[in-house]
C-alpha atoms as a PDB file:
ATOM      1  CA  UNK A   1      12.963  28.701  34.572  1.00  0.00           C
ATOM      2  CA  UNK A   2      13.159  31.618  32.115  1.00  0.00           C
ATOM      3  CA  UNK A   3      16.210  30.077  30.423  1.00  0.00           C
ATOM      4  CA  UNK A   4      14.248  26.956  29.538  1.00  0.00           C
ATOM      5  CA  UNK A   5      11.407  28.770  27.773  1.00  0.00           C
ATOM      6  CA  UNK A   6      13.352  29.634  24.568  1.00  0.00           C
ATOM      7  CA  UNK A   7      14.672  26.060  24.399  1.00  0.00           C
ATOM      8  CA  UNK A   8      11.192  24.602  24.882  1.00  0.00           C
ATOM      9  CA  UNK A   9       9.742  26.970  22.264  1.00  0.00           C
ATOM     10  CA  UNK A  10      12.474  26.007  19.797  1.00  0.00           C
ATOM     11  CA  UNK A  11      11.849  22.295  20.382  1.00  0.00           C
ATOM     12  CA  UNK A  12       8.095  22.696  19.917  1.00  0.00           C
ATOM     13  CA  UNK A  13       8.487  24.733  16.741  1.00  0.00           C
ATOM     14  CA  UNK A  14      11.049  22.312  15.343  1.00  0.00           C
ATOM     15  CA  UNK A  15       8.706  19.385  16.040  1.00  0.00           C
ATOM     16  CA  UNK A  16       5.852  21.169  14.292  1.00  0.00           C
ATOM     17  CA  UNK A  17       8.023  21.812  11.264  1.00  0.00           C
ATOM     18  CA  UNK A  18       8.680  18.154  10.511  1.00  0.00           C
ATOM     19  CA  UNK A  19       6.749  17.162   7.393  1.00  0.00           C
ATOM     20  CA  UNK A  20       4.251  14.353   7.712  1.00  0.00           C
ATOM     21  CA  UNK A  21       4.798  11.194   5.657  1.00  0.00           C
ATOM     22  CA  UNK A  22       1.830  12.329   3.548  1.00  0.00           C
ATOM     23  CA  UNK A  23       3.159  15.807   2.726  1.00  0.00           C
ATOM     24  CA  UNK A  24       4.730  14.770  -0.583  1.00  0.00           C
ATOM     25  CA  UNK A  25       3.651  11.809  -2.673  1.00  0.00           C
ATOM     26  CA  UNK A  26       6.135  11.188  -5.489  1.00  0.00           C
ATOM     27  CA  UNK A  27       5.396   8.161  -7.696  1.00  0.00           C
ATOM     28  CA  UNK A  28       7.085   4.958  -6.535  1.00  0.00           C
ATOM     29  CA  UNK A  29       7.068   2.678  -3.524  1.00  0.00           C
ATOM     30  CA  UNK A  30       5.472   3.881  -0.293  1.00  0.00           C
ATOM     31  CA  UNK A  31       7.873   4.686   2.534  1.00  0.00           C
ATOM     32  CA  UNK A  32       7.710   2.581   5.685  1.00  0.00           C
ATOM     33  CA  UNK A  33       5.881   5.348   7.579  1.00  0.00           C
ATOM     34  CA  UNK A  34       3.390   5.751   4.709  1.00  0.00           C
ATOM     35  CA  UNK A  35       2.795   1.992   4.708  1.00  0.00           C
ATOM     36  CA  UNK A  36       2.042   2.052   8.441  1.00  0.00           C
ATOM     37  CA  UNK A  37      -0.459   4.887   8.049  1.00  0.00           C
ATOM     38  CA  UNK A  38      -2.159   3.145   5.114  1.00  0.00           C
ATOM     39  CA  UNK A  39      -2.313  -0.192   6.992  1.00  0.00           C
ATOM     40  CA  UNK A  40      -3.872   1.456  10.038  1.00  0.00           C
ATOM     41  CA  UNK A  41      -6.412   3.287   7.895  1.00  0.00           C
ATOM     42  CA  UNK A  42      -7.494   0.305   5.809  1.00  0.00           C
ATOM     43  CA  UNK A  43      -7.519  -2.007   8.855  1.00  0.00           C
ATOM     44  CA  UNK A  44      -9.782   0.446  10.658  1.00  0.00           C
ATOM     45  CA  UNK A  45     -12.252   0.447   7.795  1.00  0.00           C
ATOM     46  CA  UNK A  46     -12.220  -3.327   7.234  1.00  0.00           C
ATOM     47  CA  UNK A  47     -12.631  -4.019  10.957  1.00  0.00           C
ATOM     48  CA  UNK A  48     -15.564  -1.589  11.134  1.00  0.00           C
ATOM     49  CA  UNK A  49     -17.135  -3.266   8.077  1.00  0.00           C
ATOM     50  CA  UNK A  50     -16.693  -6.716   9.654  1.00  0.00           C
ATOM     51  CA  UNK A  51     -18.482  -5.357  12.757  1.00  0.00           C
ATOM     52  CA  UNK A  52     -21.119  -3.854  10.445  1.00  0.00           C
ATOM     53  CA  UNK A  53     -20.461  -0.489  12.043  1.00  0.00           C
ATOM     54  CA  UNK A  54     -21.337   1.407   8.868  1.00  0.00           C
ATOM     55  CA  UNK A  55     -21.003   4.880  10.360  1.00  0.00           C
ATOM     56  CA  UNK A  56     -17.462   4.170  11.553  1.00  0.00           C
ATOM     57  CA  UNK A  57     -16.477   2.454   8.279  1.00  0.00           C
ATOM     58  CA  UNK A  58     -17.775   5.462   6.355  1.00  0.00           C
ATOM     59  CA  UNK A  59     -15.474   7.818   8.286  1.00  0.00           C
ATOM     60  CA  UNK A  60     -12.457   6.142   6.617  1.00  0.00           C
ATOM     61  CA  UNK A  61     -13.719   7.196   3.180  1.00  0.00           C
ATOM     62  CA  UNK A  62     -12.236  10.304   1.590  1.00  0.00           C
ATOM     63  CA  UNK A  63     -14.237  13.505   2.001  1.00  0.00           C
ATOM     64  CA  UNK A  64     -14.536  13.729  -1.784  1.00  0.00           C
ATOM     65  CA  UNK A  65     -16.078  10.217  -1.772  1.00  0.00           C
ATOM     66  CA  UNK A  66     -18.495  11.174   1.006  1.00  0.00           C
ATOM     67  CA  UNK A  67     -19.611  14.198  -1.007  1.00  0.00           C
ATOM     68  CA  UNK A  68     -20.977  11.953  -3.778  1.00  0.00           C
ATOM     69  CA  UNK A  69     -21.841   8.735  -1.910  1.00  0.00           C
ATOM     70  CA  UNK A  70     -24.205   8.913   1.059  1.00  0.00           C
ATOM     71  CA  UNK A  71     -23.844   6.692   4.131  1.00  0.00           C
ATOM     72  CA  UNK A  72     -26.990   4.822   3.069  1.00  0.00           C
ATOM     73  CA  UNK A  73     -25.594   4.123  -0.411  1.00  0.00           C
ATOM     74  CA  UNK A  74     -22.181   3.182   1.022  1.00  0.00           C
ATOM     75  CA  UNK A  75     -23.862   0.685   3.370  1.00  0.00           C
ATOM     76  CA  UNK A  76     -25.852  -0.822   0.501  1.00  0.00           C
ATOM     77  CA  UNK A  77     -22.781  -1.134  -1.752  1.00  0.00           C
ATOM     78  CA  UNK A  78     -20.706  -2.834   0.948  1.00  0.00           C
ATOM     79  CA  UNK A  79     -23.458  -5.214   2.080  1.00  0.00           C
ATOM     80  CA  UNK A  80     -24.354  -6.209  -1.510  1.00  0.00           C
ATOM     81  CA  UNK A  81     -21.004  -6.186  -3.328  1.00  0.00           C
ATOM     82  CA  UNK A  82     -18.321  -6.591  -0.640  1.00  0.00           C
ATOM     83  CA  UNK A  83     -19.732  -9.368   1.548  1.00  0.00           C
ATOM     84  CA  UNK A  84     -16.227 -10.867   1.646  1.00  0.00           C
ATOM     85  CA  UNK A  85     -15.141  -7.919   3.822  1.00  0.00           C
ATOM     86  CA  UNK A  86     -18.010  -8.495   6.249  1.00  0.00           C
ATOM     87  CA  UNK A  87     -17.239 -12.217   6.547  1.00  0.00           C
ATOM     88  CA  UNK A  88     -13.438 -12.029   6.204  1.00  0.00           C
ATOM     89  CA  UNK A  89     -11.252 -14.397   8.206  1.00  0.00           C
ATOM     90  CA  UNK A  90      -8.324 -11.997   8.091  1.00  0.00           C
ATOM     91  CA  UNK A  91      -6.275 -10.025   5.606  1.00  0.00           C
ATOM     92  CA  UNK A  92      -2.659  -9.357   4.766  1.00  0.00           C
ATOM     93  CA  UNK A  93      -0.985  -6.352   3.225  1.00  0.00           C
ATOM     94  CA  UNK A  94       0.958  -6.705   0.015  1.00  0.00           C
ATOM     95  CA  UNK A  95       2.569  -3.948  -2.063  1.00  0.00           C
ATOM     96  CA  UNK A  96       2.042  -0.234  -1.519  1.00  0.00           C
ATOM     97  CA  UNK A  97       2.779   2.190  -4.348  1.00  0.00           C
ATOM     98  CA  UNK A  98       2.179   5.861  -5.024  1.00  0.00           C
ATOM     99  CA  UNK A  99       0.619   6.683  -8.385  1.00  0.00           C
ATOM    100  CA  UNK A 100      -0.529  10.173  -9.373  1.00  0.00           C
ATOM    101  CA  UNK A 101      -0.521  11.375  -5.734  1.00  0.00           C
ATOM    102  CA  UNK A 102      -2.689   8.425  -4.652  1.00  0.00           C
ATOM    103  CA  UNK A 103      -1.548   5.639  -2.350  1.00  0.00           C
ATOM    104  CA  UNK A 104      -2.360   2.264  -3.884  1.00  0.00           C
ATOM    105  CA  UNK A 105      -2.363  -0.623  -1.420  1.00  0.00           C
ATOM    106  CA  UNK A 106      -2.891  -4.237  -2.464  1.00  0.00           C
ATOM    107  CA  UNK A 107      -4.206  -6.624   0.157  1.00  0.00           C
ATOM    108  CA  UNK A 108      -5.211 -10.262   0.290  1.00  0.00           C
ATOM    109  CA  UNK A 109      -8.521 -10.961   2.026  1.00  0.00           C
ATOM    110  CA  UNK A 110      -8.904 -14.439   3.497  1.00  0.00           C
ATOM    111  CA  UNK A 111     -12.414 -15.727   2.937  1.00  0.00           C
ATOM    112  CA  UNK A 112     -14.303 -18.788   4.140  1.00  0.00           C
ATOM    113  CA  UNK A 113     -13.923 -20.498   0.744  1.00  0.00           C
ATOM    114  CA  UNK A 114     -11.673 -18.309  -1.383  1.00  0.00           C
ATOM    115  CA  UNK A 115      -9.043 -15.635  -0.930  1.00  0.00           C
ATOM    116  CA  UNK A 116      -9.279 -12.398  -2.871  1.00  0.00           C
ATOM    117  CA  UNK A 117      -6.862  -9.677  -3.791  1.00  0.00           C
ATOM    118  CA  UNK A 118      -8.127  -6.147  -3.344  1.00  0.00           C
ATOM    119  CA  UNK A 119      -6.648  -2.882  -4.468  1.00  0.00           C
ATOM    120  CA  UNK A 120      -7.356   0.153  -2.303  1.00  0.00           C
ATOM    121  CA  UNK A 121      -6.799   3.682  -3.569  1.00  0.00           C
ATOM    122  CA  UNK A 122      -6.373   6.398  -0.969  1.00  0.00           C
ATOM    123  CA  UNK A 123      -6.050  10.133  -1.319  1.00  0.00           C
ATOM    124  CA  UNK A 124      -4.741  12.773   1.026  1.00  0.00           C
ATOM    125  CA  UNK A 125      -7.213  15.596   1.568  1.00  0.00           C
ATOM    126  CA  UNK A 126      -6.537  18.278   4.189  1.00  0.00           C
ATOM    127  CA  UNK A 127      -3.597  16.191   5.459  1.00  0.00           C
ATOM    128  CA  UNK A 128      -5.871  13.192   6.087  1.00  0.00           C
ATOM    129  CA  UNK A 129      -5.975   9.804   4.393  1.00  0.00           C
ATOM    130  CA  UNK A 130      -9.229   8.698   2.843  1.00  0.00           C
ATOM    131  CA  UNK A 131     -10.317   5.689   0.823  1.00  0.00           C
ATOM    132  CA  UNK A 132     -11.525   6.763  -2.615  1.00  0.00           C
ATOM    133  CA  UNK A 133     -11.930   3.291  -4.148  1.00  0.00           C
ATOM    134  CA  UNK A 134     -11.524  -0.417  -3.512  1.00  0.00           C
ATOM    135  CA  UNK A 135     -11.702  -3.112  -6.151  1.00  0.00           C
ATOM    136  CA  UNK A 136     -11.729  -6.886  -5.830  1.00  0.00           C
ATOM    137  CA  UNK A 137      -9.576  -9.145  -8.006  1.00  0.00           C
ATOM    138  CA  UNK A 138      -9.627 -12.916  -7.682  1.00  0.00           C
ATOM    139  CA  UNK A 139      -6.178 -14.271  -6.817  1.00  0.00           C
ATOM    140  CA  UNK A 140      -6.161 -16.529  -9.874  1.00  0.00           C
ATOM    141  CA  UNK A 141      -6.631 -13.447 -12.097  1.00  0.00           C
ATOM    142  CA  UNK A 142      -3.802 -11.716 -10.252  1.00  0.00           C
ATOM    143  CA  UNK A 143      -1.437 -14.631 -10.867  1.00  0.00           C
ATOM    144  CA  UNK A 144      -2.242 -14.608 -14.590  1.00  0.00           C
ATOM    145  CA  UNK A 145      -0.992 -11.026 -15.028  1.00  0.00           C
END
């Protein structure tokens, strides 16, 4: 059994040394592993918003966002300005880019009457993803650019 301990220790230390997909964020396209993390994060927030679970949705916001926007204000902003997320019929993920150490994910939200393009901006703070901003763009505006 003693002979296995150094091997196990080496394997554990080697596993801990692997950088996370969020360790370095050079400008350009997101890697596949970054895209998966971003999709999971945004999906978690949108699904919580659709369930009107404001506390849970708020946990997906970046800590820096939470420092300046209270849960009460966040709830008010979402329920007044982002009703399309509450009533969404689904969403799809489009391009993911890294710009100035922020992950920028474009999504299409399927609404009851119209579809909308949204751009999410996420930061990495203390090795954790967090939504710092989300903006809505009508698909017709997106096509015109």
